[in-house]
């Protein structure tokens, strides 16, 4: 993700988790100014460009990405 193009994202991390014979877990974590800012980015040209080659790597993944959204409580 090109965070320089989106001022609404304040932090992005790509986390690597455990590995086994089948896979290695990777999780992307981003912090946004608001849910609306994130949703607007998913409809933007920047989003389309950032994800343009995602389908070309299907053999690397066990399945499609699964979105989980969280709200800060503290």
PDB file of N, CA and C in Angstrom:
ATOM      1  N   UNK A   1       0.856  -1.188   0.000  1.00  0.00           N
ATOM      2  CA  UNK A   1       0.000   0.000   0.000  1.00  0.00           C
ATOM      3  C   UNK A   1       0.888   1.233   0.000  1.00  0.00           C
ATOM      4  N   UNK A   2       0.565   2.185  -0.807  1.00  0.00           N
ATOM      5  CA  UNK A   2       1.319   3.425  -0.871  1.00  0.00           C
ATOM      6  C   UNK A   2       0.718   4.408   0.122  1.00  0.00           C
ATOM      7  N   UNK A   3       1.254   4.423   1.349  1.00  0.00           N
ATOM      8  CA  UNK A   3       0.708   5.313   2.372  1.00  0.00           C
ATOM      9  C   UNK A   3       1.023   6.769   2.087  1.00  0.00           C
ATOM     10  N   UNK A   4       1.977   7.045   1.210  1.00  0.00           N
ATOM     11  CA  UNK A   4       2.285   8.435   0.861  1.00  0.00           C
ATOM     12  C   UNK A   4       1.148   9.059   0.070  1.00  0.00           C
ATOM     13  N   UNK A   5       0.357   8.244  -0.629  1.00  0.00           N
ATOM     14  CA  UNK A   5      -0.747   8.768  -1.433  1.00  0.00           C
ATOM     15  C   UNK A   5      -2.022   8.962  -0.619  1.00  0.00           C
ATOM     16  N   UNK A   6      -2.095   8.355   0.551  1.00  0.00           N
ATOM     17  CA  UNK A   6      -3.298   8.460   1.358  1.00  0.00           C
ATOM     18  C   UNK A   6      -2.957   9.099   2.696  1.00  0.00           C
ATOM     19  N   UNK A   7      -3.415  10.300   2.902  1.00  0.00           N
ATOM     20  CA  UNK A   7      -3.132  10.981   4.162  1.00  0.00           C
ATOM     21  C   UNK A   7      -4.044  10.505   5.281  1.00  0.00           C
ATOM     22  N   UNK A   8      -5.089   9.754   4.969  1.00  0.00           N
ATOM     23  CA  UNK A   8      -6.030   9.291   5.981  1.00  0.00           C
ATOM     24  C   UNK A   8      -5.496   8.091   6.757  1.00  0.00           C
ATOM     25  N   UNK A   9      -4.489   7.389   6.228  1.00  0.00           N
ATOM     26  CA  UNK A   9      -3.899   6.273   6.955  1.00  0.00           C
ATOM     27  C   UNK A   9      -2.731   6.815   7.764  1.00  0.00           C
ATOM     28  N   UNK A  10      -2.728   6.517   9.061  1.00  0.00           N
ATOM     29  CA  UNK A  10      -1.669   7.061   9.904  1.00  0.00           C
ATOM     30  C   UNK A  10      -0.589   6.037  10.217  1.00  0.00           C
ATOM     31  N   UNK A  11      -0.883   4.747  10.005  1.00  0.00           N
ATOM     32  CA  UNK A  11       0.121   3.720  10.279  1.00  0.00           C
ATOM     33  C   UNK A  11      -0.206   2.464   9.492  1.00  0.00           C
ATOM     34  N   UNK A  12       0.841   1.789   8.979  1.00  0.00           N
ATOM     35  CA  UNK A  12       0.674   0.521   8.293  1.00  0.00           C
ATOM     36  C   UNK A  12       1.779  -0.424   8.740  1.00  0.00           C
ATOM     37  N   UNK A  13       1.413  -1.648   9.097  1.00  0.00           N
ATOM     38  CA  UNK A  13       2.374  -2.680   9.467  1.00  0.00           C
ATOM     39  C   UNK A  13       2.016  -3.965   8.736  1.00  0.00           C
ATOM     40  N   UNK A  14       3.031  -4.687   8.270  1.00  0.00           N
ATOM     41  CA  UNK A  14       2.846  -6.029   7.745  1.00  0.00           C
ATOM     42  C   UNK A  14       3.509  -6.956   8.748  1.00  0.00           C
ATOM     43  N   UNK A  15       2.702  -7.806   9.375  1.00  0.00           N
ATOM     44  CA  UNK A  15       3.170  -8.673  10.452  1.00  0.00           C
ATOM     45  C   UNK A  15       3.308 -10.105   9.954  1.00  0.00           C
ATOM     46  N   UNK A  16       4.401 -10.769  10.345  1.00  0.00           N
ATOM     47  CA  UNK A  16       4.595 -12.175  10.003  1.00  0.00           C
ATOM     48  C   UNK A  16       4.405 -12.997  11.254  1.00  0.00           C
ATOM     49  N   UNK A  17       3.545 -14.001  11.142  1.00  0.00           N
ATOM     50  CA  UNK A  17       3.243 -14.861  12.276  1.00  0.00           C
ATOM     51  C   UNK A  17       3.893 -16.219  12.137  1.00  0.00           C
ATOM     52  N   UNK A  18       3.230 -17.216  12.671  1.00  0.00           N
ATOM     53  CA  UNK A  18       3.775 -18.567  12.703  1.00  0.00           C
ATOM     54  C   UNK A  18       3.775 -19.210  11.318  1.00  0.00           C
ATOM     55  N   UNK A  19       4.628 -20.221  11.184  1.00  0.00           N
ATOM     56  CA  UNK A  19       4.734 -20.985   9.949  1.00  0.00           C
ATOM     57  C   UNK A  19       4.581 -22.464  10.266  1.00  0.00           C
ATOM     58  N   UNK A  20       4.045 -23.198   9.319  1.00  0.00           N
ATOM     59  CA  UNK A  20       4.041 -24.655   9.382  1.00  0.00           C
ATOM     60  C   UNK A  20       4.332 -25.179   7.980  1.00  0.00           C
ATOM     61  N   UNK A  21       4.178 -26.464   7.773  1.00  0.00           N
ATOM     62  CA  UNK A  21       4.503 -27.051   6.462  1.00  0.00           C
ATOM     63  C   UNK A  21       3.604 -26.525   5.352  1.00  0.00           C
ATOM     64  N   UNK A  22       2.416 -26.030   5.717  1.00  0.00           N
ATOM     65  CA  UNK A  22       1.454 -25.577   4.710  1.00  0.00           C
ATOM     66  C   UNK A  22       1.561 -24.090   4.400  1.00  0.00           C
ATOM     67  N   UNK A  23       1.843 -23.268   5.418  1.00  0.00           N
ATOM     68  CA  UNK A  23       1.749 -21.823   5.192  1.00  0.00           C
ATOM     69  C   UNK A  23       2.477 -21.021   6.266  1.00  0.00           C
ATOM     70  N   UNK A  24       2.687 -19.747   5.948  1.00  0.00           N
ATOM     71  CA  UNK A  24       3.148 -18.740   6.908  1.00  0.00           C
ATOM     72  C   UNK A  24       2.059 -17.693   7.001  1.00  0.00           C
ATOM     73  N   UNK A  25       1.723 -17.299   8.216  1.00  0.00           N
ATOM     74  CA  UNK A  25       0.672 -16.312   8.428  1.00  0.00           C
ATOM     75  C   UNK A  25       1.252 -14.907   8.286  1.00  0.00           C
ATOM     76  N   UNK A  26       0.611 -14.087   7.445  1.00  0.00           N
ATOM     77  CA  UNK A  26       0.931 -12.669   7.331  1.00  0.00           C
ATOM     78  C   UNK A  26      -0.350 -11.887   7.595  1.00  0.00           C
ATOM     79  N   UNK A  27      -0.237 -10.808   8.338  1.00  0.00           N
ATOM     80  CA  UNK A  27      -1.375  -9.960   8.662  1.00  0.00           C
ATOM     81  C   UNK A  27      -0.992  -8.514   8.376  1.00  0.00           C
ATOM     82  N   UNK A  28      -1.838  -7.805   7.637  1.00  0.00           N
ATOM     83  CA  UNK A  28      -1.599  -6.379   7.466  1.00  0.00           C
ATOM     84  C   UNK A  28      -2.459  -5.639   8.490  1.00  0.00           C
ATOM     85  N   UNK A  29      -1.858  -4.632   9.105  1.00  0.00           N
ATOM     86  CA  UNK A  29      -2.543  -3.845  10.138  1.00  0.00           C
ATOM     87  C   UNK A  29      -2.371  -2.378   9.796  1.00  0.00           C
ATOM     88  N   UNK A  30      -3.469  -1.686   9.621  1.00  0.00           N
ATOM     89  CA  UNK A  30      -3.396  -0.262   9.334  1.00  0.00           C
ATOM     90  C   UNK A  30      -4.316   0.498  10.276  1.00  0.00           C
ATOM     91  N   UNK A  31      -3.919   1.704  10.591  1.00  0.00           N
ATOM     92  CA  UNK A  31      -4.712   2.594  11.434  1.00  0.00           C
ATOM     93  C   UNK A  31      -5.135   3.774  10.566  1.00  0.00           C
ATOM     94  N   UNK A  32      -6.425   4.074  10.576  1.00  0.00           N
ATOM     95  CA  UNK A  32      -6.997   5.111   9.722  1.00  0.00           C
ATOM     96  C   UNK A  32      -7.623   6.210  10.569  1.00  0.00           C
ATOM     97  N   UNK A  33      -7.746   7.391   9.985  1.00  0.00           N
ATOM     98  CA  UNK A  33      -8.398   8.509  10.676  1.00  0.00           C
ATOM     99  C   UNK A  33      -9.833   8.173  11.047  1.00  0.00           C
ATOM    100  N   UNK A  34     -10.507   7.393  10.196  1.00  0.00           N
ATOM    101  CA  UNK A  34     -11.909   7.020  10.455  1.00  0.00           C
ATOM    102  C   UNK A  34     -12.277   5.830   9.570  1.00  0.00           C
ATOM    103  N   UNK A  35     -13.360   5.171   9.919  1.00  0.00           N
ATOM    104  CA  UNK A  35     -13.876   4.072   9.085  1.00  0.00           C
ATOM    105  C   UNK A  35     -14.258   4.604   7.706  1.00  0.00           C
ATOM    106  N   UNK A  36     -14.793   5.806   7.671  1.00  0.00           N
ATOM    107  CA  UNK A  36     -15.186   6.403   6.401  1.00  0.00           C
ATOM    108  C   UNK A  36     -13.982   6.639   5.501  1.00  0.00           C
ATOM    109  N   UNK A  37     -12.852   7.056   6.094  1.00  0.00           N
ATOM    110  CA  UNK A  37     -11.631   7.274   5.310  1.00  0.00           C
ATOM    111  C   UNK A  37     -11.143   5.954   4.713  1.00  0.00           C
ATOM    112  N   UNK A  38     -11.195   4.883   5.495  1.00  0.00           N
ATOM    113  CA  UNK A  38     -10.799   3.571   4.980  1.00  0.00           C
ATOM    114  C   UNK A  38     -11.721   3.136   3.844  1.00  0.00           C
ATOM    115  N   UNK A  39     -13.022   3.270   4.050  1.00  0.00           N
ATOM    116  CA  UNK A  39     -13.988   2.864   3.027  1.00  0.00           C
ATOM    117  C   UNK A  39     -13.806   3.674   1.742  1.00  0.00           C
ATOM    118  N   UNK A  40     -13.516   4.959   1.880  1.00  0.00           N
ATOM    119  CA  UNK A  40     -13.281   5.795   0.693  1.00  0.00           C
ATOM    120  C   UNK A  40     -12.035   5.319  -0.049  1.00  0.00           C
ATOM    121  N   UNK A  41     -10.994   4.915   0.696  1.00  0.00           N
ATOM    122  CA  UNK A  41      -9.779   4.419   0.049  1.00  0.00           C
ATOM    123  C   UNK A  41     -10.073   3.141  -0.736  1.00  0.00           C
ATOM    124  N   UNK A  42     -10.927   2.258  -0.199  1.00  0.00           N
ATOM    125  CA  UNK A  42     -11.226   1.001  -0.906  1.00  0.00           C
ATOM    126  C   UNK A  42     -11.954   1.247  -2.224  1.00  0.00           C
ATOM    127  N   UNK A  43     -12.518   2.434  -2.408  1.00  0.00           N
ATOM    128  CA  UNK A  43     -13.203   2.783  -3.659  1.00  0.00           C
ATOM    129  C   UNK A  43     -12.348   3.672  -4.557  1.00  0.00           C
ATOM    130  N   UNK A  44     -11.103   3.911  -4.172  1.00  0.00           N
ATOM    131  CA  UNK A  44     -10.257   4.859  -4.892  1.00  0.00           C
ATOM    132  C   UNK A  44      -9.408   4.203  -5.978  1.00  0.00           C
ATOM    133  N   UNK A  45      -8.894   5.039  -6.845  1.00  0.00           N
ATOM    134  CA  UNK A  45      -7.955   4.577  -7.875  1.00  0.00           C
ATOM    135  C   UNK A  45      -6.675   4.059  -7.232  1.00  0.00           C
ATOM    136  N   UNK A  46      -6.226   4.670  -6.141  1.00  0.00           N
ATOM    137  CA  UNK A  46      -5.025   4.217  -5.437  1.00  0.00           C
ATOM    138  C   UNK A  46      -5.192   2.779  -4.950  1.00  0.00           C
ATOM    139  N   UNK A  47      -6.375   2.437  -4.460  1.00  0.00           N
ATOM    140  CA  UNK A  47      -6.652   1.070  -4.023  1.00  0.00           C
ATOM    141  C   UNK A  47      -6.568   0.111  -5.205  1.00  0.00           C
ATOM    142  N   UNK A  48      -7.197   0.488  -6.320  1.00  0.00           N
ATOM    143  CA  UNK A  48      -7.169  -0.374  -7.510  1.00  0.00           C
ATOM    144  C   UNK A  48      -5.737  -0.604  -7.995  1.00  0.00           C
ATOM    145  N   UNK A  49      -4.932   0.438  -7.987  1.00  0.00           N
ATOM    146  CA  UNK A  49      -3.541   0.313  -8.416  1.00  0.00           C
ATOM    147  C   UNK A  49      -2.763  -0.581  -7.444  1.00  0.00           C
ATOM    148  N   UNK A  50      -2.958  -0.380  -6.149  1.00  0.00           N
ATOM    149  CA  UNK A  50      -2.233  -1.153  -5.137  1.00  0.00           C
ATOM    150  C   UNK A  50      -2.565  -2.641  -5.196  1.00  0.00           C
ATOM    151  N   UNK A  51      -3.773  -2.983  -5.642  1.00  0.00           N
ATOM    152  CA  UNK A  51      -4.207  -4.373  -5.670  1.00  0.00           C
ATOM    153  C   UNK A  51      -4.319  -4.955  -7.080  1.00  0.00           C
ATOM    154  N   UNK A  52      -3.791  -4.255  -8.059  1.00  0.00           N
ATOM    155  CA  UNK A  52      -3.956  -4.661  -9.461  1.00  0.00           C
ATOM    156  C   UNK A  52      -3.401  -6.045  -9.764  1.00  0.00           C
ATOM    157  N   UNK A  53      -2.318  -6.443  -9.129  1.00  0.00           N
ATOM    158  CA  UNK A  53      -1.711  -7.741  -9.439  1.00  0.00           C
ATOM    159  C   UNK A  53      -2.083  -8.828  -8.440  1.00  0.00           C
ATOM    160  N   UNK A  54      -3.014  -8.576  -7.561  1.00  0.00           N
ATOM    161  CA  UNK A  54      -3.361  -9.551  -6.516  1.00  0.00           C
ATOM    162  C   UNK A  54      -3.792 -10.893  -7.097  1.00  0.00           C
ATOM    163  N   UNK A  55      -4.558 -10.908  -8.145  1.00  0.00           N
ATOM    164  CA  UNK A  55      -5.037 -12.149  -8.734  1.00  0.00           C
ATOM    165  C   UNK A  55      -3.955 -12.982  -9.382  1.00  0.00           C
ATOM    166  N   UNK A  56      -2.831 -12.370  -9.715  1.00  0.00           N
ATOM    167  CA  UNK A  56      -1.732 -13.085 -10.364  1.00  0.00           C
ATOM    168  C   UNK A  56      -0.973 -13.985  -9.397  1.00  0.00           C
ATOM    169  N   UNK A  57      -1.195 -13.813  -8.104  1.00  0.00           N
ATOM    170  CA  UNK A  57      -0.462 -14.572  -7.091  1.00  0.00           C
ATOM    171  C   UNK A  57      -1.333 -15.602  -6.371  1.00  0.00           C
ATOM    172  N   UNK A  58      -2.447 -15.999  -6.960  1.00  0.00           N
ATOM    173  CA  UNK A  58      -3.389 -16.913  -6.303  1.00  0.00           C
ATOM    174  C   UNK A  58      -2.736 -18.179  -5.772  1.00  0.00           C
ATOM    175  N   UNK A  59      -1.740 -18.708  -6.472  1.00  0.00           N
ATOM    176  CA  UNK A  59      -1.083 -19.932  -6.042  1.00  0.00           C
ATOM    177  C   UNK A  59      -0.306 -19.799  -4.744  1.00  0.00           C
ATOM    178  N   UNK A  60      -0.045 -18.571  -4.322  1.00  0.00           N
ATOM    179  CA  UNK A  60       0.696 -18.350  -3.078  1.00  0.00           C
ATOM    180  C   UNK A  60      -0.196 -18.360  -1.841  1.00  0.00           C
ATOM    181  N   UNK A  61      -1.510 -18.251  -2.041  1.00  0.00           N
ATOM    182  CA  UNK A  61      -2.426 -18.072  -0.913  1.00  0.00           C
ATOM    183  C   UNK A  61      -3.308 -19.297  -0.704  1.00  0.00           C
ATOM    184  N   UNK A  62      -3.683 -19.539   0.561  1.00  0.00           N
ATOM    185  CA  UNK A  62      -4.611 -20.623   0.869  1.00  0.00           C
ATOM    186  C   UNK A  62      -6.048 -20.233   0.540  1.00  0.00           C
ATOM    187  N   UNK A  63      -6.322 -18.949   0.474  1.00  0.00           N
ATOM    188  CA  UNK A  63      -7.658 -18.454   0.172  1.00  0.00           C
ATOM    189  C   UNK A  63      -7.638 -16.946   0.062  1.00  0.00           C
ATOM    190  N   UNK A  64      -8.806 -16.359  -0.162  1.00  0.00           N
ATOM    191  CA  UNK A  64      -8.869 -14.894  -0.291  1.00  0.00           C
ATOM    192  C   UNK A  64      -8.620 -14.209   1.055  1.00  0.00           C
ATOM    193  N   UNK A  65      -8.226 -12.932   1.016  1.00  0.00           N
ATOM    194  CA  UNK A  65      -8.039 -12.209   2.276  1.00  0.00           C
ATOM    195  C   UNK A  65      -9.353 -12.119   3.043  1.00  0.00           C
ATOM    196  N   UNK A  66      -9.234 -12.080   4.355  1.00  0.00           N
ATOM    197  CA  UNK A  66     -10.410 -11.954   5.217  1.00  0.00           C
ATOM    198  C   UNK A  66     -10.277 -10.667   6.018  1.00  0.00           C
ATOM    199  N   UNK A  67     -11.170  -9.724   5.739  1.00  0.00           N
ATOM    200  CA  UNK A  67     -11.129  -8.437   6.433  1.00  0.00           C
ATOM    201  C   UNK A  67     -11.692  -8.570   7.842  1.00  0.00           C
ATOM    202  N   UNK A  68     -10.980  -7.995   8.804  1.00  0.00           N
ATOM    203  CA  UNK A  68     -11.480  -7.847  10.168  1.00  0.00           C
ATOM    204  C   UNK A  68     -11.236  -6.401  10.561  1.00  0.00           C
ATOM    205  N   UNK A  69     -12.271  -5.698  10.932  1.00  0.00           N
ATOM    206  CA  UNK A  69     -12.141  -4.305  11.355  1.00  0.00           C
ATOM    207  C   UNK A  69     -12.342  -4.181  12.848  1.00  0.00           C
ATOM    208  N   UNK A  70     -11.607  -3.293  13.469  1.00  0.00           N
ATOM    209  CA  UNK A  70     -11.674  -3.092  14.910  1.00  0.00           C
ATOM    210  C   UNK A  70     -11.769  -1.608  15.208  1.00  0.00           C
ATOM    211  N   UNK A  71     -12.436  -1.260  16.283  1.00  0.00           N
ATOM    212  CA  UNK A  71     -12.535   0.108  16.764  1.00  0.00           C
ATOM    213  C   UNK A  71     -11.729   0.232  18.040  1.00  0.00           C
ATOM    214  N   UNK A  72     -10.943   1.311  18.177  1.00  0.00           N
ATOM    215  CA  UNK A  72     -10.188   1.556  19.403  1.00  0.00           C
ATOM    216  C   UNK A  72     -11.154   1.890  20.529  1.00  0.00           C
ATOM    217  N   UNK A  73     -10.931   1.298  21.695  1.00  0.00           N
ATOM    218  CA  UNK A  73     -11.811   1.556  22.838  1.00  0.00           C
ATOM    219  C   UNK A  73     -11.110   2.318  23.955  1.00  0.00           C
ATOM    220  N   UNK A  74      -9.820   2.455  23.876  1.00  0.00           N
ATOM    221  CA  UNK A  74      -9.066   3.234  24.881  1.00  0.00           C
ATOM    222  C   UNK A  74      -8.174   4.234  24.179  1.00  0.00           C
TER     223      UNK A  74
END
